[in-house]
Protein backbone atom coordinates (compact mmCIF):
# COMPACT_ATOMS: atom_id res chain seq x y z
CA MET A 1 10.01 6.78 26.80
CA HIS A 2 11.93 3.72 27.04
CA SER A 3 11.21 0.66 24.58
CA ASN A 4 12.85 -2.36 23.52
CA MET A 5 10.96 -2.62 20.48
CA THR A 6 11.57 -0.75 17.02
CA LEU A 7 8.21 0.01 14.79
CA PRO A 8 8.64 -0.01 11.18
CA GLY A 9 9.35 3.03 9.62
CA LEU A 10 10.33 4.85 12.86
CA GLU A 11 13.75 3.96 13.46
CA SER A 12 15.10 7.32 13.01
CA VAL A 13 12.29 9.41 14.93
CA SER A 14 12.25 10.12 18.70
CA ILE A 15 8.92 8.67 20.41
CA LYS A 16 7.45 11.20 22.91
CA LYS A 17 4.28 9.47 24.02
CA VAL A 18 2.10 6.45 23.47
CA GLU A 19 -1.58 5.97 24.38
CA GLU A 20 -4.59 3.87 23.20
CA VAL A 21 -7.58 6.26 22.38
CA GLU A 22 -10.85 4.39 21.50
CA GLY A 23 -9.22 1.06 20.39
CA ALA A 24 -6.38 2.86 18.26
CA TYR A 25 -2.88 3.72 19.10
CA HIS A 26 -1.95 7.29 19.17
CA ILE A 27 1.80 7.89 18.79
CA GLU A 28 3.50 11.44 19.39
CA VAL A 29 6.93 11.42 17.54
CA GLU A 30 9.46 14.07 16.40
CA MET A 31 12.88 14.07 14.34
CA PRO A 32 16.00 14.75 16.63
CA ARG A 33 16.88 18.75 16.01
CA GLN A 34 19.65 18.99 13.53
CA ALA A 35 20.87 21.50 10.73
CA GLN A 36 18.78 21.61 7.56
CA THR A 37 19.85 22.76 4.03
CA CYS A 38 17.51 25.52 2.64
CA PRO A 39 15.95 24.54 -0.55
CA ALA A 40 16.25 28.11 -1.95
CA CYS A 41 19.57 29.11 -1.14
CA GLY A 42 21.28 25.95 -0.27
CA ASN A 43 22.55 27.35 3.19
CA GLN A 44 22.86 25.16 6.62
CA THR A 45 20.15 26.75 9.06
CA SER A 46 19.34 25.32 12.62
CA ARG A 47 16.77 28.39 13.47
CA VAL A 48 13.43 27.03 14.28
CA HIS A 49 10.29 29.00 13.12
CA ASP A 50 7.54 26.92 14.56
CA TYR A 51 6.16 23.36 14.95
CA ARG A 52 3.15 22.23 13.28
CA ILE A 53 1.18 18.75 14.44
CA GLN A 54 0.71 16.37 11.23
CA LYS A 55 -1.63 13.36 11.71
CA ILE A 56 -0.47 10.44 9.69
CA GLN A 57 -2.01 7.06 9.69
CA HIS A 58 0.70 4.29 9.95
CA LEU A 59 0.76 0.59 9.95
CA LYS A 60 -1.31 -1.33 12.29
CA VAL A 61 0.31 -2.55 15.57
CA PHE A 62 -0.93 -5.64 17.29
CA GLU A 63 -4.09 -5.34 15.00
CA ARG A 64 -4.97 -1.98 16.08
CA THR A 65 -5.11 1.10 13.76
CA THR A 66 -2.21 3.42 14.52
CA TYR A 67 -1.96 6.82 13.92
CA LEU A 68 1.26 9.02 14.29
CA PHE A 69 1.31 12.51 15.63
CA TYR A 70 4.16 13.99 14.16
CA ARG A 71 5.70 17.11 15.53
CA LYS A 72 6.72 18.96 12.48
CA ARG A 73 9.54 21.53 12.89
CA ARG A 74 9.46 24.22 10.21
CA TYR A 75 13.08 26.16 9.90
CA ALA A 76 13.60 29.89 8.87
CA CYS A 77 16.48 30.55 6.70
CA SER A 78 18.18 34.00 6.83
CA CYS A 79 17.14 34.31 2.95
CA GLY A 80 13.87 34.51 4.15
CA LYS A 81 12.64 30.94 3.11
CA ARG A 82 10.65 28.75 5.45
CA PHE A 83 10.46 25.10 5.04
CA ALA A 84 9.88 21.94 6.89
CA GLU A 85 12.38 19.41 7.96
CA ALA A 86 13.67 16.30 6.10
CA ASN A 87 11.84 13.24 7.51
CA PRO A 88 12.01 9.54 6.43
CA MET A 89 8.52 8.97 7.64
CA VAL A 90 6.15 10.67 5.26
CA ASP A 91 6.13 12.37 1.94
CA ARG A 92 5.14 15.83 1.42
CA TYR A 93 1.38 16.40 1.67
CA GLN A 94 0.81 12.83 2.30
CA ARG A 95 -1.67 11.52 5.52
CA HIS A 96 -0.22 8.32 5.47
CA SER A 97 3.41 6.86 6.16
CA LYS A 98 5.89 5.70 3.67
CA GLU A 99 5.48 2.39 5.25
CA TRP A 100 1.56 2.18 5.36
CA ASN A 101 1.59 2.99 1.24
CA GLN A 102 4.42 0.41 0.92
CA ALA A 103 2.06 -2.20 2.82
CA LEU A 104 -1.18 -1.15 0.91
CA GLY A 105 0.84 -1.36 -2.26
CA LEU A 106 1.76 -4.89 -1.83
CA ARG A 107 -1.68 -5.80 -0.24
CA VAL A 108 -3.68 -4.61 -3.16
CA ILE A 109 -1.62 -6.51 -5.72
CA GLN A 110 -2.04 -9.86 -3.64
CA GLY A 111 -5.70 -9.18 -2.22
CA MET A 112 -9.04 -10.35 -3.76
CA ASN A 113 -10.26 -7.03 -4.56
CA PHE A 114 -10.14 -3.38 -3.82
CA LYS A 115 -13.04 -3.31 -1.43
CA ASP A 116 -11.59 -5.66 1.09
CA THR A 117 -8.28 -4.57 0.78
CA ALA A 118 -9.18 -0.88 1.50
CA ALA A 119 -11.63 -1.81 4.33
CA GLN A 120 -8.31 -3.61 6.27
CA PHE A 121 -6.15 -0.71 5.96
CA ARG A 122 -9.30 1.69 6.88
CA THR A 123 -8.87 3.71 3.74
CA SER A 124 -11.12 4.28 0.70
CA GLN A 125 -11.55 1.96 -2.44
CA ALA A 126 -9.97 5.18 -4.41
CA THR A 127 -7.06 5.16 -2.37
CA ALA A 128 -6.44 1.42 -2.82
CA ILE A 129 -6.82 1.78 -6.58
CA ARG A 130 -4.40 4.80 -6.64
CA ARG A 131 -1.74 2.82 -5.14
CA PHE A 132 -2.46 -0.32 -7.46
CA ASP A 133 -1.97 2.33 -10.29
CA GLN A 134 0.97 3.65 -8.86
CA VAL A 135 2.72 0.12 -8.48
CA ALA A 136 0.98 -1.11 -11.84
CA THR A 137 3.30 1.46 -13.65
CA THR A 138 6.07 0.41 -12.31
CA GLU A 139 5.83 -3.16 -13.06
CA LEU A 140 4.09 -2.89 -16.51
CA GLN A 141 6.23 -3.34 -19.71
CA GLU A 142 5.35 -1.88 -23.12
CA VAL A 143 5.30 -4.42 -26.07
CA GLU A 144 5.37 -4.10 -29.89
CA GLU A 145 2.83 -6.64 -30.43
CA LEU A 146 0.61 -8.82 -28.26
CA PRO A 147 1.48 -12.44 -27.95
CA VAL A 148 -0.41 -14.98 -30.09
CA ILE A 149 -3.00 -17.21 -28.37
CA LYS A 150 -4.50 -19.94 -30.15
CA LEU A 151 -7.43 -21.64 -29.33
CA MET A 152 -8.47 -25.09 -30.30
CA LEU A 153 -12.40 -25.48 -30.46
CA PHE A 154 -13.71 -28.99 -30.55
CA GLU A 155 -17.26 -30.43 -30.24
CA ARG A 156 -17.00 -32.47 -27.14
CA SER A 157 -19.86 -35.20 -28.17
CA GLU A 158 -17.96 -36.00 -31.46
CA GLN A 159 -14.31 -35.66 -30.75
CA SER A 160 -11.66 -37.22 -28.74
CA VAL A 161 -8.55 -35.66 -26.98
CA ASP A 162 -5.61 -37.52 -25.92
CA GLY A 163 -7.63 -40.88 -26.14
CA LEU A 164 -10.75 -39.86 -24.31
CA ASP A 165 -13.73 -40.29 -25.97
CA PHE A 166 -16.15 -37.70 -24.99
CA GLY A 167 -18.91 -38.88 -27.30
CA LYS A 168 -18.64 -42.55 -26.03
CA LYS A 169 -20.27 -41.61 -22.44
CA LYS A 170 -22.90 -39.29 -24.03
CA ARG A 171 -23.98 -42.24 -26.90
CA GLU A 172 -24.06 -44.55 -23.32
CA ASN A 173 -26.43 -42.19 -21.59
CA GLU A 174 -28.56 -41.79 -24.49
CA THR A 175 -29.09 -45.46 -24.89
CA ASN A 176 -29.56 -46.41 -21.30
CA ASP A 177 -32.22 -43.40 -21.24
CA SER A 178 -34.23 -44.99 -24.45
CA SER A 179 -34.30 -48.33 -23.07
CA THR A 180 -35.69 -47.29 -19.59
CA LYS A 181 -38.55 -45.65 -21.39
């Protein structure tokens, strides 16, 4: 496929097919074939065991929901270990792309509430809350003691602050009300 546009998070993949299905974009992608390192023995292997299709929710493109259909290559090592290829798009056991997770993490901080943010990203409120918790734990700092907050309470009808007499207006209203009766 020839394209003059690079989609975020898909710079290193090969896009095989793009189609619009029921208002959503379906993009078929795969990684270029290259030798992989076995996680068990550390040897390099390029022997392909099989392929699996993984459906991944990605960022919206032109305000349309986008799904990646990633043709995940699984390798077989001479030691007997079978493993999936390394990829920059999605973490292990995930159904959302890294870019999608990152965007949701930013939006959930800036958004008004979890419900609206989840609706924008076509996901559940629980997922939005989990992403918020992930972002919040990295940003929060532990403190020894809480800061002291001084509250100054005053009776508005009797006190004046910075030269403003709150009681004056109230007294004027009371005298006007009594004179009209």
